[in-house]
All heavy atoms as atom14 arrays in JSON, in Angstrom:
{
  "sequence": "SAGFAPWQLVTSAFLHGSLMHLALNMVGLYSFGRDVEDALGSRRYL",
  "atom14_mask": [
    [1, 1, 1, 1, 1, 1, 0, 0, 0, 0, 0, 0, 0, 0],
    [1, 1, 1, 1, 1, 0, 0, 0, 0, 0, 0, 0, 0, 0],
    [1, 1, 1, 1, 0, 0, 0, 0, 0, 0, 0, 0, 0, 0],
    [1, 1, 1, 1, 1, 1, 1, 1, 1, 1, 1, 0, 0, 0],
    [1, 1, 1, 1, 1, 0, 0, 0, 0, 0, 0, 0, 0, 0],
    [1, 1, 1, 1, 1, 1, 1, 0, 0, 0, 0, 0, 0, 0],
    [1, 1, 1, 1, 1, 1, 1, 1, 1, 1, 1, 1, 1, 1],
    [1, 1, 1, 1, 1, 1, 1, 1, 1, 0, 0, 0, 0, 0],
    [1, 1, 1, 1, 1, 1, 1, 1, 0, 0, 0, 0, 0, 0],
    [1, 1, 1, 1, 1, 1, 1, 0, 0, 0, 0, 0, 0, 0],
    [1, 1, 1, 1, 1, 1, 1, 0, 0, 0, 0, 0, 0, 0],
    [1, 1, 1, 1, 1, 1, 0, 0, 0, 0, 0, 0, 0, 0],
    [1, 1, 1, 1, 1, 0, 0, 0, 0, 0, 0, 0, 0, 0],
    [1, 1, 1, 1, 1, 1, 1, 1, 1, 1, 1, 0, 0, 0],
    [1, 1, 1, 1, 1, 1, 1, 1, 0, 0, 0, 0, 0, 0],
    [1, 1, 1, 1, 1, 1, 1, 1, 1, 1, 0, 0, 0, 0],
    [1, 1, 1, 1, 0, 0, 0, 0, 0, 0, 0, 0, 0, 0],
    [1, 1, 1, 1, 1, 1, 0, 0, 0, 0, 0, 0, 0, 0],
    [1, 1, 1, 1, 1, 1, 1, 1, 0, 0, 0, 0, 0, 0],
    [1, 1, 1, 1, 1, 1, 1, 1, 0, 0, 0, 0, 0, 0],
    [1, 1, 1, 1, 1, 1, 1, 1, 1, 1, 0, 0, 0, 0],
    [1, 1, 1, 1, 1, 1, 1, 1, 0, 0, 0, 0, 0, 0],
    [1, 1, 1, 1, 1, 0, 0, 0, 0, 0, 0, 0, 0, 0],
    [1, 1, 1, 1, 1, 1, 1, 1, 0, 0, 0, 0, 0, 0],
    [1, 1, 1, 1, 1, 1, 1, 1, 0, 0, 0, 0, 0, 0],
    [1, 1, 1, 1, 1, 1, 1, 1, 0, 0, 0, 0, 0, 0],
    [1, 1, 1, 1, 1, 1, 1, 0, 0, 0, 0, 0, 0, 0],
    [1, 1, 1, 1, 0, 0, 0, 0, 0, 0, 0, 0, 0, 0],
    [1, 1, 1, 1, 1, 1, 1, 1, 0, 0, 0, 0, 0, 0],
    [1, 1, 1, 1, 1, 1, 1, 1, 1, 1, 1, 1, 0, 0],
    [1, 1, 1, 1, 1, 1, 0, 0, 0, 0, 0, 0, 0, 0],
    [1, 1, 1, 1, 1, 1, 1, 1, 1, 1, 1, 0, 0, 0],
    [1, 1, 1, 1, 0, 0, 0, 0, 0, 0, 0, 0, 0, 0],
    [1, 1, 1, 1, 1, 1, 1, 1, 1, 1, 1, 0, 0, 0],
    [1, 1, 1, 1, 1, 1, 1, 1, 0, 0, 0, 0, 0, 0],
    [1, 1, 1, 1, 1, 1, 1, 0, 0, 0, 0, 0, 0, 0],
    [1, 1, 1, 1, 1, 1, 1, 1, 1, 0, 0, 0, 0, 0],
    [1, 1, 1, 1, 1, 1, 1, 1, 0, 0, 0, 0, 0, 0],
    [1, 1, 1, 1, 1, 0, 0, 0, 0, 0, 0, 0, 0, 0],
    [1, 1, 1, 1, 1, 1, 1, 1, 0, 0, 0, 0, 0, 0],
    [1, 1, 1, 1, 0, 0, 0, 0, 0, 0, 0, 0, 0, 0],
    [1, 1, 1, 1, 1, 1, 0, 0, 0, 0, 0, 0, 0, 0],
    [1, 1, 1, 1, 1, 1, 1, 1, 1, 1, 1, 0, 0, 0],
    [1, 1, 1, 1, 1, 1, 1, 1, 1, 1, 1, 0, 0, 0],
    [1, 1, 1, 1, 1, 1, 1, 1, 1, 1, 1, 1, 0, 0],
    [1, 1, 1, 1, 1, 1, 1, 1, 0, 0, 0, 0, 0, 0]
  ],
  "atom14_positions": [
    [[0.37, 25.52, -25.91], [0.16, 24.08, -25.84], [-1.07, 23.71, -25.01], [-1.47, 22.55, -24.97], [1.4, 23.39, -25.24], [2.51, 23.56, -26.08], [0.0, 0.0, 0.0], [0.0, 0.0, 0.0], [0.0, 0.0, 0.0], [0.0, 0.0, 0.0], [0.0, 0.0, 0.0], [0.0, 0.0, 0.0], [0.0, 0.0, 0.0], [0.0, 0.0, 0.0]],
    [[-1.65, 24.69, -24.3], [-2.82, 24.4, -23.48], [-3.99, 24.02, -24.36], [-4.19, 24.58, -25.43], [-3.17, 25.62, -22.62], [0.0, 0.0, 0.0], [0.0, 0.0, 0.0], [0.0, 0.0, 0.0], [0.0, 0.0, 0.0], [0.0, 0.0, 0.0], [0.0, 0.0, 0.0], [0.0, 0.0, 0.0], [0.0, 0.0, 0.0], [0.0, 0.0, 0.0]],
    [[-4.8, 23.09, -23.9], [-5.94, 22.61, -24.67], [-6.01, 21.1, -24.63], [-4.99, 20.42, -24.43], [0.0, 0.0, 0.0], [0.0, 0.0, 0.0], [0.0, 0.0, 0.0], [0.0, 0.0, 0.0], [0.0, 0.0, 0.0], [0.0, 0.0, 0.0], [0.0, 0.0, 0.0], [0.0, 0.0, 0.0], [0.0, 0.0, 0.0], [0.0, 0.0, 0.0]],
    [[-7.2, 20.56, -24.84], [-7.39, 19.11, -24.73], [-6.73, 18.37, -25.89], [-6.78, 18.8, -27.04], [-8.87, 18.78, -24.69], [-9.13, 17.3, -24.77], [-8.88, 16.48, -23.68], [-9.59, 16.71, -25.95], [-9.08, 15.11, -23.75], [-9.81, 15.35, -26.02], [-9.55, 14.55, -24.92], [0.0, 0.0, 0.0], [0.0, 0.0, 0.0], [0.0, 0.0, 0.0]],
    [[-6.12, 17.24, -25.55], [-5.59, 16.29, -26.53], [-5.85, 14.89, -25.99], [-5.81, 14.67, -24.77], [-4.1, 16.51, -26.76], [0.0, 0.0, 0.0], [0.0, 0.0, 0.0], [0.0, 0.0, 0.0], [0.0, 0.0, 0.0], [0.0, 0.0, 0.0], [0.0, 0.0, 0.0], [0.0, 0.0, 0.0], [0.0, 0.0, 0.0], [0.0, 0.0, 0.0]],
    [[-6.16, 13.92, -26.85], [-6.57, 12.59, -26.38], [-5.58, 11.91, -25.45], [-5.98, 11.22, -24.51], [-6.71, 11.79, -27.69], [-7.02, 12.82, -28.72], [-6.24, 14.04, -28.31], [0.0, 0.0, 0.0], [0.0, 0.0, 0.0], [0.0, 0.0, 0.0], [0.0, 0.0, 0.0], [0.0, 0.0, 0.0], [0.0, 0.0, 0.0], [0.0, 0.0, 0.0]],
    [[-4.27, 12.11, -25.68], [-3.29, 11.42, -24.82], [-3.34, 11.89, -23.37], [-2.89, 11.19, -22.48], [-1.87, 11.61, -25.37], [-1.45, 13.05, -25.5], [-1.02, 13.88, -24.51], [-1.42, 13.82, -26.71], [-0.72, 15.12, -25.01], [-0.94, 15.12, -26.35], [-1.71, 13.55, -28.04], [-0.79, 16.13, -27.29], [-1.55, 14.56, -28.97], [-1.11, 15.82, -28.6]],
    [[-3.91, 13.06, -23.14], [-3.98, 13.58, -21.78], [-4.85, 12.72, -20.86], [-4.7, 12.78, -19.64], [-4.53, 15.02, -21.81], [-3.63, 15.99, -22.54], [-4.3, 17.32, -22.78], [-5.47, 17.53, -22.43], [-3.57, 18.24, -23.39], [0.0, 0.0, 0.0], [0.0, 0.0, 0.0], [0.0, 0.0, 0.0], [0.0, 0.0, 0.0], [0.0, 0.0, 0.0]],
    [[-5.75, 11.92, -21.44], [-6.57, 11.03, -20.64], [-5.71, 10.05, -19.84], [-6.12, 9.58, -18.77], [-7.55, 10.25, -21.54], [-8.6, 11.1, -22.27], [-9.29, 10.27, -23.34], [-9.62, 11.66, -21.29], [0.0, 0.0, 0.0], [0.0, 0.0, 0.0], [0.0, 0.0, 0.0], [0.0, 0.0, 0.0], [0.0, 0.0, 0.0], [0.0, 0.0, 0.0]],
    [[-4.52, 9.75, -20.36], [-3.59, 8.84, -19.68], [-2.42, 9.59, -19.05], [-2.08, 9.37, -17.89], [-3.06, 7.77, -20.66], [-2.0, 6.9, -19.98], [-4.21, 6.91, -21.17], [0.0, 0.0, 0.0], [0.0, 0.0, 0.0], [0.0, 0.0, 0.0], [0.0, 0.0, 0.0], [0.0, 0.0, 0.0], [0.0, 0.0, 0.0], [0.0, 0.0, 0.0]],
    [[-1.82, 10.5, -19.81], [-0.6, 11.15, -19.32], [-0.85, 11.99, -18.06], [0.05, 12.12, -17.22], [0.01, 12.06, -20.41], [-0.97, 13.03, -20.83], [0.44, 11.22, -21.62], [0.0, 0.0, 0.0], [0.0, 0.0, 0.0], [0.0, 0.0, 0.0], [0.0, 0.0, 0.0], [0.0, 0.0, 0.0], [0.0, 0.0, 0.0], [0.0, 0.0, 0.0]],
    [[-2.03, 12.54, -17.93], [-2.33, 13.37, -16.75], [-2.22, 12.56, -15.45], [-1.97, 13.12, -14.39], [-3.73, 13.98, -16.86], [-4.72, 12.97, -16.96], [0.0, 0.0, 0.0], [0.0, 0.0, 0.0], [0.0, 0.0, 0.0], [0.0, 0.0, 0.0], [0.0, 0.0, 0.0], [0.0, 0.0, 0.0], [0.0, 0.0, 0.0], [0.0, 0.0, 0.0]],
    [[-2.41, 11.24, -15.56], [-2.36, 10.38, -14.37], [-0.94, 10.15, -13.87], [-0.76, 9.57, -12.79], [-3.03, 9.04, -14.67], [0.0, 0.0, 0.0], [0.0, 0.0, 0.0], [0.0, 0.0, 0.0], [0.0, 0.0, 0.0], [0.0, 0.0, 0.0], [0.0, 0.0, 0.0], [0.0, 0.0, 0.0], [0.0, 0.0, 0.0], [0.0, 0.0, 0.0]],
    [[0.06, 10.6, -14.62], [1.45, 10.43, -14.18], [2.09, 11.75, -13.78], [3.28, 11.81, -13.49], [2.27, 9.76, -15.29], [1.89, 8.33, -15.52], [0.93, 7.99, -16.46], [2.49, 7.32, -14.78], [0.56, 6.66, -16.66], [2.12, 5.98, -14.97], [1.15, 5.66, -15.9], [0.0, 0.0, 0.0], [0.0, 0.0, 0.0], [0.0, 0.0, 0.0]],
    [[1.28, 12.81, -13.75], [1.75, 14.12, -13.32], [1.15, 14.45, -11.97], [0.03, 14.06, -11.67], [1.36, 15.19, -14.34], [1.88, 15.02, -15.77], [1.29, 16.1, -16.67], [3.4, 15.08, -15.8], [0.0, 0.0, 0.0], [0.0, 0.0, 0.0], [0.0, 0.0, 0.0], [0.0, 0.0, 0.0], [0.0, 0.0, 0.0], [0.0, 0.0, 0.0]],
    [[1.89, 15.19, -11.15], [1.4, 15.59, -9.83], [1.79, 17.04, -9.56], [2.83, 17.5, -10.01], [1.94, 14.66, -8.74], [1.34, 13.29, -8.79], [1.81, 12.31, -9.64], [0.29, 12.76, -8.12], [1.08, 11.22, -9.48], [0.16, 11.46, -8.57], [0.0, 0.0, 0.0], [0.0, 0.0, 0.0], [0.0, 0.0, 0.0], [0.0, 0.0, 0.0]],
    [[0.91, 17.71, -8.82], [1.11, 19.14, -8.58], [2.1, 19.46, -7.49], [2.59, 20.59, -7.41], [0.0, 0.0, 0.0], [0.0, 0.0, 0.0], [0.0, 0.0, 0.0], [0.0, 0.0, 0.0], [0.0, 0.0, 0.0], [0.0, 0.0, 0.0], [0.0, 0.0, 0.0], [0.0, 0.0, 0.0], [0.0, 0.0, 0.0], [0.0, 0.0, 0.0]],
    [[2.42, 18.51, -6.63], [3.35, 18.75, -5.53], [3.86, 17.43, -5.01], [3.32, 16.35, -5.32], [2.66, 19.52, -4.4], [1.68, 18.7, -3.78], [0.0, 0.0, 0.0], [0.0, 0.0, 0.0], [0.0, 0.0, 0.0], [0.0, 0.0, 0.0], [0.0, 0.0, 0.0], [0.0, 0.0, 0.0], [0.0, 0.0, 0.0], [0.0, 0.0, 0.0]],
    [[4.89, 17.49, -4.18], [5.44, 16.28, -3.58], [4.41, 15.63, -2.66], [4.32, 14.39, -2.62], [6.71, 16.63, -2.8], [7.43, 15.45, -2.12], [7.85, 14.41, -3.15], [8.64, 15.96, -1.33], [0.0, 0.0, 0.0], [0.0, 0.0, 0.0], [0.0, 0.0, 0.0], [0.0, 0.0, 0.0], [0.0, 0.0, 0.0], [0.0, 0.0, 0.0]],
    [[3.64, 16.42, -1.93], [2.61, 15.87, -1.05], [1.53, 15.15, -1.86], [1.05, 14.08, -1.47], [1.99, 16.98, -0.21], [0.9, 16.49, 0.74], [1.51, 15.26, 1.94], [2.54, 16.3, 2.96], [0.0, 0.0, 0.0], [0.0, 0.0, 0.0], [0.0, 0.0, 0.0], [0.0, 0.0, 0.0], [0.0, 0.0, 0.0], [0.0, 0.0, 0.0]],
    [[1.14, 15.75, -2.97], [0.15, 15.13, -3.86], [0.63, 13.76, -4.32], [-0.1, 12.76, -4.28], [-0.1, 16.06, -5.06], [-1.18, 15.63, -5.97], [-1.28, 16.06, -7.27], [-2.24, 14.8, -5.78], [-2.34, 15.51, -7.84], [-2.95, 14.74, -6.95], [0.0, 0.0, 0.0], [0.0, 0.0, 0.0], [0.0, 0.0, 0.0], [0.0, 0.0, 0.0]],
    [[1.89, 13.71, -4.76], [2.48, 12.45, -5.19], [2.53, 11.46, -4.05], [2.16, 10.28, -4.21], [3.89, 12.71, -5.72], [4.73, 11.47, -6.05], [4.2, 10.77, -7.29], [6.2, 11.86, -6.23], [0.0, 0.0, 0.0], [0.0, 0.0, 0.0], [0.0, 0.0, 0.0], [0.0, 0.0, 0.0], [0.0, 0.0, 0.0], [0.0, 0.0, 0.0]],
    [[2.99, 11.9, -2.88], [3.17, 10.99, -1.75], [1.85, 10.36, -1.32], [1.79, 9.15, -1.07], [3.79, 11.75, -0.57], [0.0, 0.0, 0.0], [0.0, 0.0, 0.0], [0.0, 0.0, 0.0], [0.0, 0.0, 0.0], [0.0, 0.0, 0.0], [0.0, 0.0, 0.0], [0.0, 0.0, 0.0], [0.0, 0.0, 0.0], [0.0, 0.0, 0.0]],
    [[0.78, 11.14, -1.24], [-0.51, 10.61, -0.83], [-1.0, 9.54, -1.8], [-1.5, 8.48, -1.39], [-1.53, 11.74, -0.71], [-1.34, 12.68, 0.49], [-2.32, 13.85, 0.39], [-1.52, 11.94, 1.8], [0.0, 0.0, 0.0], [0.0, 0.0, 0.0], [0.0, 0.0, 0.0], [0.0, 0.0, 0.0], [0.0, 0.0, 0.0], [0.0, 0.0, 0.0]],
    [[-0.86, 9.81, -3.09], [-1.32, 8.84, -4.08], [-0.48, 7.56, -4.04], [-1.02, 6.45, -4.14], [-1.28, 9.45, -5.48], [-2.49, 10.28, -5.79], [-3.58, 10.05, -5.25], [-2.34, 11.26, -6.65], [0.0, 0.0, 0.0], [0.0, 0.0, 0.0], [0.0, 0.0, 0.0], [0.0, 0.0, 0.0], [0.0, 0.0, 0.0], [0.0, 0.0, 0.0]],
    [[0.83, 7.7, -3.91], [1.69, 6.52, -3.91], [1.54, 5.7, -2.64], [1.64, 4.47, -2.67], [3.15, 6.93, -4.13], [3.43, 7.55, -5.5], [2.89, 6.53, -6.91], [1.32, 7.32, -7.34], [0.0, 0.0, 0.0], [0.0, 0.0, 0.0], [0.0, 0.0, 0.0], [0.0, 0.0, 0.0], [0.0, 0.0, 0.0], [0.0, 0.0, 0.0]],
    [[1.29, 6.35, -1.51], [1.02, 5.6, -0.28], [-0.26, 4.78, -0.45], [-0.31, 3.6, -0.05], [0.9, 6.56, 0.92], [0.3, 5.84, 2.13], [2.26, 7.11, 1.29], [0.0, 0.0, 0.0], [0.0, 0.0, 0.0], [0.0, 0.0, 0.0], [0.0, 0.0, 0.0], [0.0, 0.0, 0.0], [0.0, 0.0, 0.0], [0.0, 0.0, 0.0]],
    [[-1.27, 5.38, -1.04], [-2.51, 4.64, -1.29], [-2.3, 3.47, -2.23], [-2.81, 2.36, -2.01], [0.0, 0.0, 0.0], [0.0, 0.0, 0.0], [0.0, 0.0, 0.0], [0.0, 0.0, 0.0], [0.0, 0.0, 0.0], [0.0, 0.0, 0.0], [0.0, 0.0, 0.0], [0.0, 0.0, 0.0], [0.0, 0.0, 0.0], [0.0, 0.0, 0.0]],
    [[-1.54, 3.7, -3.3], [-1.29, 2.63, -4.27], [-0.48, 1.51, -3.63], [-0.76, 0.32, -3.85], [-0.55, 3.21, -5.47], [-0.59, 2.42, -6.77], [-2.01, 2.14, -7.21], [0.17, 3.16, -7.86], [0.0, 0.0, 0.0], [0.0, 0.0, 0.0], [0.0, 0.0, 0.0], [0.0, 0.0, 0.0], [0.0, 0.0, 0.0], [0.0, 0.0, 0.0]],
    [[0.51, 1.86, -2.83], [1.33, 0.86, -2.16], [0.51, 0.07, -1.14], [0.63, -1.15, -1.03], [2.51, 1.54, -1.47], [3.38, 0.58, -0.68], [4.33, -0.21, -1.32], [3.24, 0.46, 0.7], [5.13, -1.09, -0.6], [4.03, -0.41, 1.43], [4.97, -1.19, 0.77], [5.74, -2.07, 1.48], [0.0, 0.0, 0.0], [0.0, 0.0, 0.0]],
    [[-0.35, 0.75, -0.41], [-1.1, 0.12, 0.68], [-2.15, -0.87, 0.17], [-2.34, -1.94, 0.78], [-1.79, 1.19, 1.53], [-0.84, 2.07, 2.11], [0.0, 0.0, 0.0], [0.0, 0.0, 0.0], [0.0, 0.0, 0.0], [0.0, 0.0, 0.0], [0.0, 0.0, 0.0], [0.0, 0.0, 0.0], [0.0, 0.0, 0.0], [0.0, 0.0, 0.0]],
    [[-2.82, -0.53, -0.92], [-3.93, -1.36, -1.39], [-3.62, -2.14, -2.66], [-4.24, -3.18, -2.91], [-5.16, -0.47, -1.63], [-5.59, 0.29, -0.42], [-5.4, 1.66, -0.33], [-6.18, -0.36, 0.66], [-5.79, 2.37, 0.79], [-6.57, 0.34, 1.79], [-6.37, 1.71, 1.86], [0.0, 0.0, 0.0], [0.0, 0.0, 0.0], [0.0, 0.0, 0.0]],
    [[-2.68, -1.66, -3.45], [-2.44, -2.29, -4.74], [-1.83, -3.66, -4.67], [-2.1, -4.52, -5.52], [0.0, 0.0, 0.0], [0.0, 0.0, 0.0], [0.0, 0.0, 0.0], [0.0, 0.0, 0.0], [0.0, 0.0, 0.0], [0.0, 0.0, 0.0], [0.0, 0.0, 0.0], [0.0, 0.0, 0.0], [0.0, 0.0, 0.0], [0.0, 0.0, 0.0]],
    [[-0.99, -3.91, -3.68], [-0.3, -5.21, -3.61], [-1.29, -6.36, -3.47], [-1.2, -7.37, -4.19], [0.68, -5.21, -2.43], [1.84, -4.23, -2.57], [2.64, -4.16, -1.29], [1.84, -3.69, -0.17], [2.2, -3.75, 1.1], [3.35, -4.31, 1.42], [1.41, -3.28, 2.05], [0.0, 0.0, 0.0], [0.0, 0.0, 0.0], [0.0, 0.0, 0.0]],
    [[-2.24, -6.23, -2.54], [-3.21, -7.31, -2.33], [-4.14, -7.47, -3.52], [-4.54, -8.59, -3.88], [-4.01, -7.05, -1.05], [-3.2, -7.28, 0.21], [-2.26, -8.1, 0.17], [-3.48, -6.63, 1.23], [0.0, 0.0, 0.0], [0.0, 0.0, 0.0], [0.0, 0.0, 0.0], [0.0, 0.0, 0.0], [0.0, 0.0, 0.0], [0.0, 0.0, 0.0]],
    [[-4.52, -6.35, -4.13], [-5.4, -6.42, -5.29], [-4.68, -7.1, -6.46], [-5.27, -7.94, -7.16], [-5.89, -5.01, -5.69], [-6.72, -5.08, -6.98], [-6.74, -4.4, -4.58], [0.0, 0.0, 0.0], [0.0, 0.0, 0.0], [0.0, 0.0, 0.0], [0.0, 0.0, 0.0], [0.0, 0.0, 0.0], [0.0, 0.0, 0.0], [0.0, 0.0, 0.0]],
    [[-3.41, -6.78, -6.66], [-2.66, -7.43, -7.73], [-2.48, -8.92, -7.44], [-2.59, -9.75, -8.37], [-1.29, -6.78, -7.92], [-0.51, -7.39, -9.06], [0.8, -6.68, -9.36], [1.08, -5.65, -8.71], [1.54, -7.15, -10.24], [0.0, 0.0, 0.0], [0.0, 0.0, 0.0], [0.0, 0.0, 0.0], [0.0, 0.0, 0.0], [0.0, 0.0, 0.0]],
    [[-2.23, -9.29, -6.2], [-2.11, -10.7, -5.85], [-3.41, -11.45, -6.15], [-3.39, -12.6, -6.61], [-1.78, -10.85, -4.36], [-0.33, -10.52, -4.05], [0.5, -10.52, -4.98], [-0.03, -10.26, -2.87], [0.0, 0.0, 0.0], [0.0, 0.0, 0.0], [0.0, 0.0, 0.0], [0.0, 0.0, 0.0], [0.0, 0.0, 0.0], [0.0, 0.0, 0.0]],
    [[-4.54, -10.8, -5.9], [-5.83, -11.45, -6.1], [-6.22, -11.55, -7.57], [-6.76, -12.57, -8.01], [-6.92, -10.7, -5.33], [0.0, 0.0, 0.0], [0.0, 0.0, 0.0], [0.0, 0.0, 0.0], [0.0, 0.0, 0.0], [0.0, 0.0, 0.0], [0.0, 0.0, 0.0], [0.0, 0.0, 0.0], [0.0, 0.0, 0.0], [0.0, 0.0, 0.0]],
    [[-5.92, -10.51, -8.33], [-6.35, -10.48, -9.74], [-5.32, -11.04, -10.71], [-5.67, -11.48, -11.8], [-6.67, -9.03, -10.15], [-7.86, -8.34, -9.48], [-7.98, -6.91, -9.99], [-9.15, -9.11, -9.75], [0.0, 0.0, 0.0], [0.0, 0.0, 0.0], [0.0, 0.0, 0.0], [0.0, 0.0, 0.0], [0.0, 0.0, 0.0], [0.0, 0.0, 0.0]],
    [[-4.06, -10.99, -10.31], [-3.0, -11.28, -11.25], [-2.54, -9.98, -11.9], [-3.3, -9.02, -11.99], [0.0, 0.0, 0.0], [0.0, 0.0, 0.0], [0.0, 0.0, 0.0], [0.0, 0.0, 0.0], [0.0, 0.0, 0.0], [0.0, 0.0, 0.0], [0.0, 0.0, 0.0], [0.0, 0.0, 0.0], [0.0, 0.0, 0.0], [0.0, 0.0, 0.0]],
    [[-1.31, -9.95, -12.38], [-0.72, -8.71, -12.88], [-1.44, -8.14, -14.1], [-1.65, -6.93, -14.2], [0.76, -8.94, -13.22], [1.49, -9.23, -12.04], [0.0, 0.0, 0.0], [0.0, 0.0, 0.0], [0.0, 0.0, 0.0], [0.0, 0.0, 0.0], [0.0, 0.0, 0.0], [0.0, 0.0, 0.0], [0.0, 0.0, 0.0], [0.0, 0.0, 0.0]],
    [[-1.84, -8.99, -15.03], [-2.47, -8.49, -16.25], [-3.82, -7.86, -15.95], [-4.12, -6.75, -16.42], [-2.64, -9.62, -17.28], [-3.2, -9.14, -18.61], [-3.14, -10.22, -19.67], [-3.94, -11.38, -19.32], [-4.08, -12.46, -20.08], [-3.41, -12.53, -21.23], [-4.82, -13.46, -19.7], [0.0, 0.0, 0.0], [0.0, 0.0, 0.0], [0.0, 0.0, 0.0]],
    [[-4.63, -8.54, -15.15], [-5.93, -7.97, -14.81], [-5.78, -6.73, -13.92], [-6.58, -5.8, -14.01], [-6.81, -9.02, -14.12], [-7.52, -9.93, -15.1], [-8.58, -10.76, -14.4], [-9.48, -11.38, -15.34], [-10.56, -12.09, -15.02], [-10.85, -12.27, -13.74], [-11.33, -12.61, -15.94], [0.0, 0.0, 0.0], [0.0, 0.0, 0.0], [0.0, 0.0, 0.0]],
    [[-4.78, -6.74, -13.07], [-4.56, -5.58, -12.22], [-4.22, -4.35, -13.06], [-4.75, -3.25, -12.82], [-3.45, -5.84, -11.21], [-3.14, -4.66, -10.34], [-4.02, -4.24, -9.35], [-1.96, -3.94, -10.51], [-3.75, -3.14, -8.55], [-1.67, -2.84, -9.71], [-2.58, -2.45, -8.74], [-2.3, -1.35, -7.95], [0.0, 0.0, 0.0], [0.0, 0.0, 0.0]],
    [[-3.34, -4.53, -14.03], [-3.0, -3.41, -14.92], [-4.23, -2.94, -15.68], [-4.45, -1.73, -15.85], [-1.9, -3.83, -15.89], [-1.46, -2.76, -16.9], [-0.92, -1.53, -16.19], [-0.41, -3.34, -17.85], [0.0, 0.0, 0.0], [0.0, 0.0, 0.0], [0.0, 0.0, 0.0], [0.0, 0.0, 0.0], [0.0, 0.0, 0.0], [0.0, 0.0, 0.0]]
  ]
}
């Protein structure tokens, strides 16, 4: 199954190599994403 496929451009962003990897990314998203979503609105933020 190894090899490039177009859906990987999106699906790879929901996979993480370790719990620490996940935690660092989610802390960043939680810390900065709330204010950015408030400023842009949910649709533009997405």
